Amino acid sequence: MVVLAVIGGTPLPTALGPVVALLDGDDRVSCSGVLVGERHVLTAAHCADATAVAWGTDLRNEAPDEVRAITGVELPDDHVPGEHGSDLAVLELVSAAPAPSWPVATRTVAPGDRVSIYGFGVTGELLDDAGLKQGATLEVLDVGPDTFLSWSPDANACSGDSGGPAVADGGEGAWVVGVNTWVDPACLGGKTGTTRIDQRLDWLGAVVPDLVTEPLRPSLDTEPRGGCSHVPGGGAWMSLVGIWMRRKSRS
């Protein structure tokens, strides 16, 4: 299995967004994830050996803006190592995150829908440069009981993007529809494999006490401009960060 980065993606400028990098014991970027609660990160189960979560825009040459240690890991009850359909994990942070969380989907996508994928992975299939936060927009090709495949002619996930979110329009706003966990057959020219999370809402609700399932307004713009690899306006979380900052200023 190729551990998923966004090849052909657009760099994202917001350091304290919901998309995070997972660090290994040597403080290197190993995977990606997404905040789904004040102290909880959703990622892939095969990334659950990470030791810390980091925020930033380019961790290849810069120190993280924020780091939180991981104090606990939860896996689905039906998790089977190596099976894509249960390749999910929730990481508990030692303290509250410095950024907003993202709502999760109560239903899945359909063939023809567009999803935006995000991650800190490598920028080329044979490279070792994980750490740049990027996003890309792909078209959903096929949806199975627990996973779905999406594709773009010039963008894909690759090493370091495993655990990063796939985000779609929920009709009234944006929400996370899955976790990117593999590529088929390879990064260049391949398809992104995503584990659905709408099938795991009972589990997520049990381990994330402040889980939100209402799509974030305003609606996510998933229409590509100038090619499927373009994520407009710095990504869907720009509006979310603004809402979170306004709430913090009133508290």
C-alpha atoms as a PDB file:
ATOM      1  CA  MET A   1       0.000   0.000   0.000  1.00  0.00           C
ATOM      2  CA  VAL A   2       1.242   3.496  -0.819  1.00  0.00           C
ATOM      3  CA  VAL A   3       0.915   5.828   2.153  1.00  0.00           C
ATOM      4  CA  LEU A   4      -0.774   8.891   0.845  1.00  0.00           C
ATOM      5  CA  ALA A   5       0.573  13.820  -0.518  1.00  0.00           C
ATOM      6  CA  VAL A   6      -1.209  16.015  -2.830  1.00  0.00           C
ATOM      7  CA  ILE A   7       0.641  15.954  -6.145  1.00  0.00           C
ATOM      8  CA  GLY A   8      -0.339  18.834  -8.432  1.00  0.00           C
ATOM      9  CA  GLY A   9      -2.176  20.590  -5.610  1.00  0.00           C
ATOM     10  CA  THR A  10      -2.430  24.211  -4.521  1.00  0.00           C
ATOM     11  CA  PRO A  11      -0.448  25.372  -1.440  1.00  0.00           C
ATOM     12  CA  LEU A  12      -2.758  26.597   1.324  1.00  0.00           C
ATOM     13  CA  PRO A  13      -1.883  29.779   3.231  1.00  0.00           C
ATOM     14  CA  THR A  14      -3.762  29.317   6.516  1.00  0.00           C
ATOM     15  CA  ALA A  15      -1.490  27.923   9.239  1.00  0.00           C
ATOM     16  CA  LEU A  16      -4.111  27.366  11.952  1.00  0.00           C
ATOM     17  CA  GLY A  17      -6.750  25.541   9.967  1.00  0.00           C
ATOM     18  CA  PRO A  18      -8.424  22.198  10.712  1.00  0.00           C
ATOM     19  CA  VAL A  19      -6.021  20.177   8.525  1.00  0.00           C
ATOM     20  CA  VAL A  20      -3.014  19.029  10.557  1.00  0.00           C
ATOM     21  CA  ALA A  21       0.276  17.213  10.080  1.00  0.00           C
ATOM     22  CA  LEU A  22       1.094  14.100  12.111  1.00  0.00           C
ATOM     23  CA  LEU A  23       4.669  13.820  13.345  1.00  0.00           C
ATOM     24  CA  ASP A  24       6.668  10.691  14.087  1.00  0.00           C
ATOM     25  CA  GLY A  25       9.187  10.227  16.897  1.00  0.00           C
ATOM     26  CA  ASP A  26      11.812  12.141  14.891  1.00  0.00           C
ATOM     27  CA  ASP A  27       9.437  15.101  14.376  1.00  0.00           C
ATOM     28  CA  ARG A  28       9.057  14.302  10.683  1.00  0.00           C
ATOM     29  CA  VAL A  29       5.723  14.517   8.881  1.00  0.00           C
ATOM     30  CA  SER A  30       4.378  10.976   8.551  1.00  0.00           C
ATOM     31  CA  CYS A  31       0.671  11.523   7.780  1.00  0.00           C
ATOM     32  CA  SER A  32      -2.109  14.097   7.821  1.00  0.00           C
ATOM     33  CA  GLY A  33      -5.367  14.496   9.722  1.00  0.00           C
ATOM     34  CA  VAL A  34      -8.326  16.769  10.374  1.00  0.00           C
ATOM     35  CA  LEU A  35      -9.716  18.268  13.580  1.00  0.00           C
ATOM     36  CA  VAL A  36     -13.225  17.015  14.319  1.00  0.00           C
ATOM     37  CA  GLY A  37     -13.347  18.207  17.928  1.00  0.00           C
ATOM     38  CA  GLU A  38     -11.548  20.632  20.200  1.00  0.00           C
ATOM     39  CA  ARG A  39      -9.140  17.878  21.290  1.00  0.00           C
ATOM     40  CA  HIS A  40      -9.702  15.203  18.634  1.00  0.00           C
ATOM     41  CA  VAL A  41      -8.100  14.538  15.244  1.00  0.00           C
ATOM     42  CA  LEU A  42      -9.549  12.115  12.698  1.00  0.00           C
ATOM     43  CA  THR A  43      -6.971  10.255  10.614  1.00  0.00           C
ATOM     44  CA  ALA A  44      -6.175   6.820   9.157  1.00  0.00           C
ATOM     45  CA  ALA A  45      -5.616   3.864  11.474  1.00  0.00           C
ATOM     46  CA  HIS A  46      -2.288   3.083   9.805  1.00  0.00           C
ATOM     47  CA  CYS A  47      -1.163   6.574  10.927  1.00  0.00           C
ATOM     48  CA  ALA A  48      -2.100   6.034  14.579  1.00  0.00           C
ATOM     49  CA  ASP A  49       1.514   5.542  15.733  1.00  0.00           C
ATOM     50  CA  ALA A  50       2.172   9.290  15.359  1.00  0.00           C
ATOM     51  CA  THR A  51       3.453  11.028  18.482  1.00  0.00           C
ATOM     52  CA  ALA A  52       2.301  14.621  17.923  1.00  0.00           C
ATOM     53  CA  VAL A  53       0.072  16.881  15.814  1.00  0.00           C
ATOM     54  CA  ALA A  54       1.436  20.052  14.197  1.00  0.00           C
ATOM     55  CA  TRP A  55       0.039  23.155  12.524  1.00  0.00           C
ATOM     56  CA  GLY A  56       1.763  25.230   9.860  1.00  0.00           C
ATOM     57  CA  THR A  57       1.856  25.895   6.141  1.00  0.00           C
ATOM     58  CA  ASP A  58       5.313  24.594   5.178  1.00  0.00           C
ATOM     59  CA  LEU A  59       6.941  22.316   7.731  1.00  0.00           C
ATOM     60  CA  ARG A  60       9.740  21.355   5.355  1.00  0.00           C
ATOM     61  CA  ASN A  61      11.806  24.403   6.224  1.00  0.00           C
ATOM     62  CA  GLU A  62       9.943  26.072   9.080  1.00  0.00           C
ATOM     63  CA  ALA A  63       9.110  25.139  12.662  1.00  0.00           C
ATOM     64  CA  PRO A  64       5.425  24.392  13.312  1.00  0.00           C
ATOM     65  CA  ASP A  65       3.208  27.252  14.450  1.00  0.00           C
ATOM     66  CA  GLU A  66       1.695  24.982  17.100  1.00  0.00           C
ATOM     67  CA  VAL A  67       2.264  21.395  18.312  1.00  0.00           C
ATOM     68  CA  ARG A  68       0.138  19.159  20.542  1.00  0.00           C
ATOM     69  CA  ALA A  69       1.150  15.787  21.977  1.00  0.00           C
ATOM     70  CA  ILE A  70      -1.134  12.788  21.441  1.00  0.00           C
ATOM     71  CA  THR A  71      -2.385  11.162  24.637  1.00  0.00           C
ATOM     72  CA  GLY A  72      -4.804   8.519  23.317  1.00  0.00           C
ATOM     73  CA  VAL A  73      -5.943   6.616  20.223  1.00  0.00           C
ATOM     74  CA  GLU A  74      -9.366   5.154  19.390  1.00  0.00           C
ATOM     75  CA  LEU A  75     -10.031   2.701  16.525  1.00  0.00           C
ATOM     76  CA  PRO A  76     -13.403   1.448  15.235  1.00  0.00           C
ATOM     77  CA  ASP A  77     -14.636  -1.722  16.920  1.00  0.00           C
ATOM     78  CA  ASP A  78     -14.551  -3.539  13.572  1.00  0.00           C
ATOM     79  CA  HIS A  79     -11.067  -2.326  12.632  1.00  0.00           C
ATOM     80  CA  VAL A  80      -9.002  -4.899  10.738  1.00  0.00           C
ATOM     81  CA  PRO A  81      -5.380  -3.922   9.936  1.00  0.00           C
ATOM     82  CA  GLY A  82      -4.881  -3.532   6.200  1.00  0.00           C
ATOM     83  CA  GLU A  83      -8.585  -3.245   5.334  1.00  0.00           C
ATOM     84  CA  HIS A  84      -9.455   0.106   3.768  1.00  0.00           C
ATOM     85  CA  GLY A  85     -13.063   0.130   4.988  1.00  0.00           C
ATOM     86  CA  SER A  86     -12.068   0.389   8.659  1.00  0.00           C
ATOM     87  CA  ASP A  87      -8.833   2.365   8.232  1.00  0.00           C
ATOM     88  CA  LEU A  88      -9.845   5.145  10.650  1.00  0.00           C
ATOM     89  CA  ALA A  89      -8.531   6.454  13.950  1.00  0.00           C
ATOM     90  CA  VAL A  90      -9.258   9.298  16.356  1.00  0.00           C
ATOM     91  CA  LEU A  91      -6.297  10.829  18.179  1.00  0.00           C
ATOM     92  CA  GLU A  92      -6.851  12.628  21.475  1.00  0.00           C
ATOM     93  CA  LEU A  93      -4.696  15.711  22.072  1.00  0.00           C
ATOM     94  CA  VAL A  94      -3.127  16.674  25.381  1.00  0.00           C
ATOM     95  CA  SER A  95      -4.878  20.067  25.260  1.00  0.00           C
ATOM     96  CA  ALA A  96      -7.301  22.058  23.116  1.00  0.00           C
ATOM     97  CA  ALA A  97      -6.316  22.751  19.518  1.00  0.00           C
ATOM     98  CA  PRO A  98      -5.491  26.310  18.397  1.00  0.00           C
ATOM     99  CA  ALA A  99      -7.814  26.001  15.412  1.00  0.00           C
ATOM    100  CA  PRO A 100     -11.454  25.195  14.541  1.00  0.00           C
ATOM    101  CA  SER A 101     -12.722  21.686  13.913  1.00  0.00           C
ATOM    102  CA  TRP A 102     -14.620  20.587  10.807  1.00  0.00           C
ATOM    103  CA  PRO A 103     -18.108  18.997  10.718  1.00  0.00           C
ATOM    104  CA  VAL A 104     -18.452  15.409   9.511  1.00  0.00           C
ATOM    105  CA  ALA A 105     -20.893  14.067   6.950  1.00  0.00           C
ATOM    106  CA  THR A 106     -24.034  12.083   7.688  1.00  0.00           C
ATOM    107  CA  ARG A 107     -24.243  10.827   4.094  1.00  0.00           C
ATOM    108  CA  THR A 108     -21.789   9.891   1.384  1.00  0.00           C
ATOM    109  CA  VAL A 109     -20.949  11.314  -2.022  1.00  0.00           C
ATOM    110  CA  ALA A 110     -22.085  10.029  -5.426  1.00  0.00           C
ATOM    111  CA  PRO A 111     -20.255   9.391  -8.700  1.00  0.00           C
ATOM    112  CA  GLY A 112     -19.758  12.695 -10.472  1.00  0.00           C
ATOM    113  CA  ASP A 113     -19.522  14.729  -7.255  1.00  0.00           C
ATOM    114  CA  ARG A 114     -16.390  16.747  -6.587  1.00  0.00           C
ATOM    115  CA  VAL A 115     -14.360  16.446  -3.403  1.00  0.00           C
ATOM    116  CA  SER A 116     -11.456  18.532  -2.148  1.00  0.00           C
ATOM    117  CA  ILE A 117      -8.587  16.584  -0.588  1.00  0.00           C
ATOM    118  CA  TYR A 118      -6.013  18.089   1.790  1.00  0.00           C
ATOM    119  CA  GLY A 119      -2.705  16.956   3.194  1.00  0.00           C
ATOM    120  CA  PHE A 120       0.937  17.586   4.033  1.00  0.00           C
ATOM    121  CA  GLY A 121       2.358  14.867   1.783  1.00  0.00           C
ATOM    122  CA  VAL A 122       5.152  14.843  -0.769  1.00  0.00           C
ATOM    123  CA  THR A 123       4.897  16.965  -3.914  1.00  0.00           C
ATOM    124  CA  GLY A 124       6.083  14.191  -6.253  1.00  0.00           C
ATOM    125  CA  GLU A 125       5.903  10.404  -6.238  1.00  0.00           C
ATOM    126  CA  LEU A 126       9.637   9.794  -5.830  1.00  0.00           C
ATOM    127  CA  LEU A 127      10.313  12.760  -3.551  1.00  0.00           C
ATOM    128  CA  ASP A 128      10.910  12.928   0.204  1.00  0.00           C
ATOM    129  CA  ASP A 129       9.597  16.443   0.882  1.00  0.00           C
ATOM    130  CA  ALA A 130       6.474  15.967   3.021  1.00  0.00           C
ATOM    131  CA  GLY A 131       5.435  19.023   5.017  1.00  0.00           C
ATOM    132  CA  LEU A 132       3.794  21.471   2.574  1.00  0.00           C
ATOM    133  CA  LYS A 133       0.050  21.836   3.161  1.00  0.00           C
ATOM    134  CA  GLN A 134      -1.805  21.486  -0.136  1.00  0.00           C
ATOM    135  CA  GLY A 135      -5.252  20.800  -1.515  1.00  0.00           C
ATOM    136  CA  ALA A 136      -6.737  19.579  -4.774  1.00  0.00           C
ATOM    137  CA  THR A 137     -10.188  18.972  -6.238  1.00  0.00           C
ATOM    138  CA  LEU A 138     -11.053  15.521  -7.627  1.00  0.00           C
ATOM    139  CA  GLU A 139     -14.111  13.902  -9.221  1.00  0.00           C
ATOM    140  CA  VAL A 140     -15.741  10.922  -7.511  1.00  0.00           C
ATOM    141  CA  LEU A 141     -15.692   7.867  -9.802  1.00  0.00           C
ATOM    142  CA  ASP A 142     -17.089   5.023  -7.731  1.00  0.00           C
ATOM    143  CA  VAL A 143     -18.692   4.633  -4.294  1.00  0.00           C
ATOM    144  CA  GLY A 144     -18.613   1.366  -2.341  1.00  0.00           C
ATOM    145  CA  PRO A 145     -20.152   0.327   0.990  1.00  0.00           C
ATOM    146  CA  ASP A 146     -17.214   1.674   3.038  1.00  0.00           C
ATOM    147  CA  THR A 147     -14.936   3.524   0.597  1.00  0.00           C
ATOM    148  CA  PHE A 148     -14.960   5.617  -2.565  1.00  0.00           C
ATOM    149  CA  LEU A 149     -12.515   6.410  -5.377  1.00  0.00           C
ATOM    150  CA  SER A 150     -11.890   9.843  -6.888  1.00  0.00           C
ATOM    151  CA  TRP A 151      -9.614  11.120  -9.641  1.00  0.00           C
ATOM    152  CA  SER A 152      -8.156  14.122 -11.417  1.00  0.00           C
ATOM    153  CA  PRO A 153      -6.013  14.158 -14.575  1.00  0.00           C
ATOM    154  CA  ASP A 154      -3.311  16.232 -12.892  1.00  0.00           C
ATOM    155  CA  ALA A 155      -3.576  15.832  -9.108  1.00  0.00           C
ATOM    156  CA  ASN A 156      -3.647  13.012  -6.575  1.00  0.00           C
ATOM    157  CA  ALA A 157      -2.744  12.014  -3.033  1.00  0.00           C
ATOM    158  CA  CYS A 158       0.629  10.427  -2.221  1.00  0.00           C
ATOM    159  CA  SER A 159       3.059   9.686   0.658  1.00  0.00           C
ATOM    160  CA  GLY A 160       2.188  11.751   3.724  1.00  0.00           C
ATOM    161  CA  ASP A 161      -1.440  12.468   2.768  1.00  0.00           C
ATOM    162  CA  SER A 162      -2.869   9.384   4.447  1.00  0.00           C
ATOM    163  CA  GLY A 163      -5.344  10.492   7.094  1.00  0.00           C
ATOM    164  CA  GLY A 164      -6.062  13.818   5.410  1.00  0.00           C
ATOM    165  CA  PRO A 165      -9.704  14.733   4.796  1.00  0.00           C
ATOM    166  CA  ALA A 166     -11.877  14.581   1.710  1.00  0.00           C
ATOM    167  CA  VAL A 167     -14.349  17.472   1.928  1.00  0.00           C
ATOM    168  CA  ALA A 168     -17.543  17.893  -0.101  1.00  0.00           C
ATOM    169  CA  ASP A 169     -20.615  20.083  -0.338  1.00  0.00           C
ATOM    170  CA  GLY A 170     -23.328  18.809   1.985  1.00  0.00           C
ATOM    171  CA  GLY A 171     -26.062  20.875   0.333  1.00  0.00           C
ATOM    172  CA  GLU A 172     -25.972  23.638   2.933  1.00  0.00           C
ATOM    173  CA  GLY A 173     -22.222  23.835   3.406  1.00  0.00           C
ATOM    174  CA  ALA A 174     -18.966  21.905   3.580  1.00  0.00           C
ATOM    175  CA  TRP A 175     -18.274  18.792   5.624  1.00  0.00           C
ATOM    176  CA  VAL A 176     -15.746  15.957   5.817  1.00  0.00           C
ATOM    177  CA  VAL A 177     -16.965  12.911   3.910  1.00  0.00           C
ATOM    178  CA  GLY A 178     -13.958  10.663   4.372  1.00  0.00           C
ATOM    179  CA  VAL A 179     -10.309  10.048   5.190  1.00  0.00           C
ATOM    180  CA  ASN A 180      -7.861   9.483   2.329  1.00  0.00           C
ATOM    181  CA  THR A 181      -6.021   6.224   2.918  1.00  0.00           C
ATOM    182  CA  TRP A 182      -4.585   4.782  -0.324  1.00  0.00           C
ATOM    183  CA  VAL A 183      -3.914   5.362  -4.020  1.00  0.00           C
ATOM    184  CA  ASP A 184      -4.709   3.046  -6.939  1.00  0.00           C
ATOM    185  CA  PRO A 185      -2.465   1.985  -8.559  1.00  0.00           C
ATOM    186  CA  ALA A 186       0.083   4.756  -7.861  1.00  0.00           C
ATOM    187  CA  CYS A 187       0.294   8.482  -7.135  1.00  0.00           C
ATOM    188  CA  LEU A 188       0.986   9.683 -10.671  1.00  0.00           C
ATOM    189  CA  GLY A 189      -2.099   9.096 -12.801  1.00  0.00           C
ATOM    190  CA  GLY A 190      -3.796   7.028 -10.117  1.00  0.00           C
ATOM    191  CA  LYS A 191      -6.999   7.368  -8.111  1.00  0.00           C
ATOM    192  CA  THR A 192      -7.406   8.403  -4.487  1.00  0.00           C
ATOM    193  CA  GLY A 193      -9.036   5.851  -2.174  1.00  0.00           C
ATOM    194  CA  THR A 194     -11.070   7.312   0.686  1.00  0.00           C
ATOM    195  CA  THR A 195     -12.612   5.604   3.708  1.00  0.00           C
ATOM    196  CA  ARG A 196     -16.176   6.837   4.283  1.00  0.00           C
ATOM    197  CA  ILE A 197     -17.034   8.221   7.721  1.00  0.00           C
ATOM    198  CA  ASP A 198     -20.832   8.430   7.408  1.00  0.00           C
ATOM    199  CA  GLN A 199     -20.838   4.687   8.200  1.00  0.00           C
ATOM    200  CA  ARG A 200     -18.995   5.312  11.476  1.00  0.00           C
ATOM    201  CA  LEU A 201     -21.037   8.120  13.055  1.00  0.00           C
ATOM    202  CA  ASP A 202     -21.999   6.100  16.151  1.00  0.00           C
ATOM    203  CA  TRP A 203     -18.347   5.366  16.851  1.00  0.00           C
ATOM    204  CA  LEU A 204     -17.257   8.935  16.150  1.00  0.00           C
ATOM    205  CA  GLY A 205     -19.973  10.358  18.374  1.00  0.00           C
ATOM    206  CA  ALA A 206     -18.903   8.053  21.209  1.00  0.00           C
ATOM    207  CA  VAL A 207     -15.240   9.125  21.134  1.00  0.00           C
ATOM    208  CA  VAL A 208     -15.617  12.805  20.125  1.00  0.00           C
ATOM    209  CA  PRO A 209     -17.998  14.511  22.591  1.00  0.00           C
ATOM    210  CA  ASP A 210     -18.212  17.785  20.613  1.00  0.00           C
ATOM    211  CA  LEU A 211     -18.613  16.211  17.156  1.00  0.00           C
ATOM    212  CA  VAL A 212     -20.601  18.398  14.716  1.00  0.00           C
ATOM    213  CA  THR A 213     -22.600  16.972  11.790  1.00  0.00           C
ATOM    214  CA  GLU A 214     -24.201  20.124  10.386  1.00  0.00           C
ATOM    215  CA  PRO A 215     -22.436  21.370   7.216  1.00  0.00           C
ATOM    216  CA  LEU A 216     -20.449  24.549   7.585  1.00  0.00           C
ATOM    217  CA  ARG A 217     -21.935  27.563   5.802  1.00  0.00           C
ATOM    218  CA  PRO A 218     -21.218  29.110   3.354  1.00  0.00           C
ATOM    219  CA  SER A 219     -21.280  26.252   0.849  1.00  0.00           C
ATOM    220  CA  LEU A 220     -17.966  24.778  -0.285  1.00  0.00           C
ATOM    221  CA  ASP A 221     -16.919  25.861  -3.786  1.00  0.00           C
ATOM    222  CA  THR A 222     -15.754  22.590  -5.300  1.00  0.00           C
ATOM    223  CA  GLU A 223     -15.958  23.652  -8.947  1.00  0.00           C
ATOM    224  CA  PRO A 224     -12.406  23.617 -10.335  1.00  0.00           C
ATOM    225  CA  ARG A 225     -11.107  26.734 -12.020  1.00  0.00           C
ATOM    226  CA  GLY A 226      -8.416  26.161 -14.568  1.00  0.00           C
ATOM    227  CA  GLY A 227      -8.187  22.412 -13.901  1.00  0.00           C
ATOM    228  CA  CYS A 228      -9.267  19.890 -11.296  1.00  0.00           C
ATOM    229  CA  SER A 229      -6.178  20.433  -9.181  1.00  0.00           C
ATOM    230  CA  HIS A 230      -7.167  23.974  -8.211  1.00  0.00           C
ATOM    231  CA  VAL A 231      -8.645  24.663  -4.789  1.00  0.00           C
ATOM    232  CA  PRO A 232     -10.179  28.155  -4.913  1.00  0.00           C
ATOM    233  CA  GLY A 233      -9.695  30.864  -2.346  1.00  0.00           C
ATOM    234  CA  GLY A 234      -7.160  29.086  -0.136  1.00  0.00           C
ATOM    235  CA  GLY A 235      -9.465  26.183   0.700  1.00  0.00           C
ATOM    236  CA  ALA A 236     -12.870  25.725   2.285  1.00  0.00           C
ATOM    237  CA  TRP A 237     -11.640  26.294   5.821  1.00  0.00           C
ATOM    238  CA  MET A 238     -10.968  30.027   5.221  1.00  0.00           C
ATOM    239  CA  SER A 239     -14.599  30.795   6.080  1.00  0.00           C
ATOM    240  CA  LEU A 240     -14.463  28.396   9.030  1.00  0.00           C
ATOM    241  CA  VAL A 241     -11.413  30.121  10.481  1.00  0.00           C
ATOM    242  CA  GLY A 242     -13.184  33.482  10.226  1.00  0.00           C
ATOM    243  CA  ILE A 243     -16.258  32.147  12.045  1.00  0.00           C
ATOM    244  CA  TRP A 244     -14.084  30.575  14.767  1.00  0.00           C
ATOM    245  CA  MET A 245     -12.074  33.781  15.277  1.00  0.00           C
ATOM    246  CA  ARG A 246     -15.258  35.843  15.642  1.00  0.00           C
ATOM    247  CA  ARG A 247     -16.600  33.392  18.217  1.00  0.00           C
ATOM    248  CA  LYS A 248     -13.323  33.506  20.163  1.00  0.00           C
ATOM    249  CA  SER A 249     -13.327  37.313  20.199  1.00  0.00           C
ATOM    250  CA  ARG A 250     -16.828  37.342  21.719  1.00  0.00           C
ATOM    251  CA  SER A 251     -15.970  34.787  24.420  1.00  0.00           C
END
